[in-house]
C-alpha atoms as a PDB file:
ATOM      1  CA  GLN A   1     158.749 -77.208 -10.255  1.00  0.00           C
ATOM      2  CA  VAL A   2     159.319 -77.259 -14.004  1.00  0.00           C
ATOM      3  CA  HIS A   3     157.541 -75.005 -16.452  1.00  0.00           C
ATOM      4  CA  VAL A   4     156.937 -76.354 -19.923  1.00  0.00           C
ATOM      5  CA  VAL A   5     155.884 -74.177 -22.847  1.00  0.00           C
ATOM      6  CA  GLU A   6     154.861 -75.401 -26.281  1.00  0.00           C
ATOM      7  CA  SER A   7     154.851 -73.274 -29.398  1.00  0.00           C
ATOM      8  CA  GLY A   8     154.685 -73.618 -33.155  1.00  0.00           C
ATOM      9  CA  GLY A   9     151.115 -74.739 -33.635  1.00  0.00           C
ATOM     10  CA  GLY A  10     148.869 -73.205 -36.249  1.00  0.00           C
ATOM     11  CA  SER A  11     146.674 -73.852 -39.248  1.00  0.00           C
ATOM     12  CA  VAL A  12     147.995 -75.573 -42.328  1.00  0.00           C
ATOM     13  CA  GLN A  13     146.625 -77.316 -45.374  1.00  0.00           C
ATOM     14  CA  ALA A  14     146.905 -81.056 -45.843  1.00  0.00           C
ATOM     15  CA  ARG A  15     150.394 -82.211 -46.875  1.00  0.00           C
ATOM     16  CA  GLY A  16     151.892 -79.156 -45.182  1.00  0.00           C
ATOM     17  CA  SER A  17     154.417 -79.066 -42.345  1.00  0.00           C
ATOM     18  CA  LEU A  18     154.745 -77.585 -38.877  1.00  0.00           C
ATOM     19  CA  ARG A  19     157.480 -77.720 -36.257  1.00  0.00           C
ATOM     20  CA  LEU A  20     156.421 -77.702 -32.633  1.00  0.00           C
ATOM     21  CA  SER A  21     158.801 -76.615 -29.895  1.00  0.00           C
ATOM     22  CA  CYS A  22     158.791 -77.571 -26.227  1.00  0.00           C
ATOM     23  CA  THR A  23     160.916 -75.449 -23.921  1.00  0.00           C
ATOM     24  CA  ALA A  24     161.529 -76.398 -20.299  1.00  0.00           C
ATOM     25  CA  SER A  25     162.596 -74.194 -17.404  1.00  0.00           C
ATOM     26  CA  VAL A  26     165.324 -76.663 -16.456  1.00  0.00           C
ATOM     27  CA  SER A  27     168.190 -78.000 -18.455  1.00  0.00           C
ATOM     28  CA  THR A  28     167.034 -80.803 -20.703  1.00  0.00           C
ATOM     29  CA  PHE A  29     170.287 -82.563 -19.796  1.00  0.00           C
ATOM     30  CA  SER A  30     168.530 -83.330 -16.520  1.00  0.00           C
ATOM     31  CA  ILE A  31     165.283 -84.485 -18.148  1.00  0.00           C
ATOM     32  CA  SER A  32     165.008 -88.233 -18.532  1.00  0.00           C
ATOM     33  CA  ALA A  33     162.281 -88.374 -21.170  1.00  0.00           C
ATOM     34  CA  ILE A  34     160.196 -86.041 -23.299  1.00  0.00           C
ATOM     35  CA  TYR A  35     156.817 -86.959 -24.701  1.00  0.00           C
ATOM     36  CA  TRP A  36     154.501 -85.387 -27.254  1.00  0.00           C
ATOM     37  CA  TYR A  37     150.823 -86.200 -26.817  1.00  0.00           C
ATOM     38  CA  ARG A  38     147.787 -84.953 -28.685  1.00  0.00           C
ATOM     39  CA  GLN A  39     144.104 -84.692 -27.912  1.00  0.00           C
ATOM     40  CA  ALA A  40     141.798 -84.505 -30.898  1.00  0.00           C
ATOM     41  CA  ALA A  41     138.819 -83.043 -29.084  1.00  0.00           C
ATOM     42  CA  GLN A  42     137.548 -82.365 -25.599  1.00  0.00           C
ATOM     43  CA  GLY A  43     136.642 -85.601 -23.938  1.00  0.00           C
ATOM     44  CA  LYS A  44     138.723 -87.754 -26.257  1.00  0.00           C
ATOM     45  CA  LYS A  45     141.630 -89.724 -24.915  1.00  0.00           C
ATOM     46  CA  ARG A  46     145.037 -88.089 -25.049  1.00  0.00           C
ATOM     47  CA  GLU A  47     147.198 -90.059 -27.513  1.00  0.00           C
ATOM     48  CA  LEU A  48     150.966 -90.555 -27.268  1.00  0.00           C
ATOM     49  CA  VAL A  49     152.503 -89.397 -30.525  1.00  0.00           C
ATOM     50  CA  ALA A  50     156.256 -89.616 -29.956  1.00  0.00           C
ATOM     51  CA  ASP A  51     158.864 -89.760 -27.234  1.00  0.00           C
ATOM     52  CA  ILE A  52     162.606 -89.375 -26.855  1.00  0.00           C
ATOM     53  CA  SER A  53     164.833 -90.629 -24.063  1.00  0.00           C
ATOM     54  CA  SER A  54     167.889 -89.029 -22.499  1.00  0.00           C
ATOM     55  CA  HIS A  55     169.958 -91.229 -24.841  1.00  0.00           C
ATOM     56  CA  ASN A  56     168.014 -89.940 -27.876  1.00  0.00           C
ATOM     57  CA  LEU A  57     166.131 -93.166 -28.389  1.00  0.00           C
ATOM     58  CA  THR A  58     162.855 -92.367 -30.119  1.00  0.00           C
ATOM     59  CA  ALA A  59     159.500 -94.030 -30.567  1.00  0.00           C
ATOM     60  CA  TYR A  60     156.410 -93.094 -32.556  1.00  0.00           C
ATOM     61  CA  ALA A  61     152.752 -93.941 -32.837  1.00  0.00           C
ATOM     62  CA  ASP A  62     151.992 -95.983 -35.940  1.00  0.00           C
ATOM     63  CA  SER A  63     149.777 -93.172 -37.222  1.00  0.00           C
ATOM     64  CA  VAL A  64     152.721 -90.744 -37.499  1.00  0.00           C
ATOM     65  CA  LYS A  65     155.675 -92.997 -38.334  1.00  0.00           C
ATOM     66  CA  GLY A  66     157.575 -91.761 -41.339  1.00  0.00           C
ATOM     67  CA  ARG A  67     155.939 -88.314 -41.118  1.00  0.00           C
ATOM     68  CA  PHE A  68     156.906 -86.957 -37.685  1.00  0.00           C
ATOM     69  CA  THR A  69     160.354 -86.618 -36.144  1.00  0.00           C
ATOM     70  CA  ILE A  70     161.060 -85.897 -32.484  1.00  0.00           C
ATOM     71  CA  SER A  71     164.386 -84.417 -31.429  1.00  0.00           C
ATOM     72  CA  ARG A  72     165.927 -82.562 -28.524  1.00  0.00           C
ATOM     73  CA  GLU A  73     168.448 -79.744 -28.309  1.00  0.00           C
ATOM     74  CA  ASN A  74     169.771 -79.856 -24.767  1.00  0.00           C
ATOM     75  CA  ALA A  75     171.805 -76.666 -25.117  1.00  0.00           C
ATOM     76  CA  ALA A  76     168.548 -74.801 -25.719  1.00  0.00           C
ATOM     77  CA  ASN A  77     166.438 -76.704 -23.145  1.00  0.00           C
ATOM     78  CA  THR A  78     164.136 -77.493 -26.048  1.00  0.00           C
ATOM     79  CA  ALA A  79     162.595 -80.458 -27.799  1.00  0.00           C
ATOM     80  CA  TYR A  80     160.977 -80.415 -31.198  1.00  0.00           C
ATOM     81  CA  LEU A  81     158.347 -82.294 -33.125  1.00  0.00           C
ATOM     82  CA  GLN A  82     158.754 -81.895 -36.872  1.00  0.00           C
ATOM     83  CA  MET A  83     155.469 -82.776 -38.543  1.00  0.00           C
ATOM     84  CA  ASN A  84     155.434 -83.356 -42.290  1.00  0.00           C
ATOM     85  CA  ALA A  85     152.776 -84.557 -44.702  1.00  0.00           C
ATOM     86  CA  LEU A  86     150.083 -83.447 -42.277  1.00  0.00           C
ATOM     87  CA  LYS A  87     146.585 -84.876 -42.593  1.00  0.00           C
ATOM     88  CA  PRO A  88     143.229 -83.519 -41.379  1.00  0.00           C
ATOM     89  CA  GLU A  89     143.176 -86.309 -38.782  1.00  0.00           C
ATOM     90  CA  ASP A  90     146.302 -84.769 -37.209  1.00  0.00           C
ATOM     91  CA  THR A  91     144.132 -81.879 -36.030  1.00  0.00           C
ATOM     92  CA  ALA A  92     144.482 -81.743 -32.249  1.00  0.00           C
ATOM     93  CA  VAL A  93     145.885 -79.888 -29.306  1.00  0.00           C
ATOM     94  CA  ASP A  94     149.468 -81.117 -28.911  1.00  0.00           C
ATOM     95  CA  TYR A  95     151.001 -81.315 -25.462  1.00  0.00           C
ATOM     96  CA  CYS A  96     154.586 -81.724 -24.359  1.00  0.00           C
ATOM     97  CA  CYS A  97     155.369 -83.672 -21.209  1.00  0.00           C
ATOM     98  CA  VAL A  98     158.810 -83.846 -19.607  1.00  0.00           C
ATOM     99  CA  VAL A  99     159.977 -86.162 -16.866  1.00  0.00           C
ATOM    100  CA  TRP A 100     162.264 -84.517 -14.327  1.00  0.00           C
ATOM    101  CA  ARG A 101     163.341 -86.297 -11.157  1.00  0.00           C
ATOM    102  CA  GLY A 102     160.609 -88.843 -11.729  1.00  0.00           C
ATOM    103  CA  ILE A 103     157.763 -86.316 -11.988  1.00  0.00           C
ATOM    104  CA  HIS A 104     155.798 -85.560 -15.150  1.00  0.00           C
ATOM    105  CA  TYR A 105     155.324 -81.896 -16.051  1.00  0.00           C
ATOM    106  CA  TRP A 106     152.916 -80.790 -18.772  1.00  0.00           C
ATOM    107  CA  GLY A 107     152.642 -77.718 -20.908  1.00  0.00           C
ATOM    108  CA  GLN A 108     149.389 -75.964 -21.761  1.00  0.00           C
ATOM    109  CA  GLY A 109     149.262 -77.291 -25.294  1.00  0.00           C
ATOM    110  CA  THR A 110     149.377 -75.801 -28.777  1.00  0.00           C
ATOM    111  CA  GLN A 111     146.611 -76.135 -31.360  1.00  0.00           C
ATOM    112  CA  VAL A 112     147.354 -77.818 -34.684  1.00  0.00           C
ATOM    113  CA  THR A 113     144.648 -77.552 -37.334  1.00  0.00           C
ATOM    114  CA  VAL A 114     144.971 -79.268 -40.701  1.00  0.00           C
ATOM    115  CA  SER A 115     142.426 -78.505 -43.413  1.00  0.00           C
ATOM    116  CA  SER A 116     141.745 -80.640 -46.454  1.00  0.00           C
END
C-alpha cells in the first residue's frame, strides 16, 4: 500500500503561480510514473495535466504547455507541479497519481482556485 499526499493548493489571482507537491510513502526511485490530474467540478471528467516517467521524460496537456512544469525529487520521495501564468480555467481539484509495482495510487487532492 502506498500513501500519496498532495499539498500546495490555494487561491491565487490570474497570472499568479503555485507549486503543488506530491509526497509518497515509498521511495520515488521505485515509482515508475507520476501523474497530475485535475477535476474542474464534481461530475466532470478528470483531466490528465502532466506526467513524468522514471527516466524523467515529461508530457503535458496542450492547455498547460509552456506554463506548467512537472518534476520529481527522488531523494525526498516527492514530485512537483510548478504552475505559472495561472488562468481562471485552471481552477480545479488537482490529484497526484503514482504507479508502484503496476498499481495506481491516488492522493486526496488539493484545491486550486484562480480568480480573474
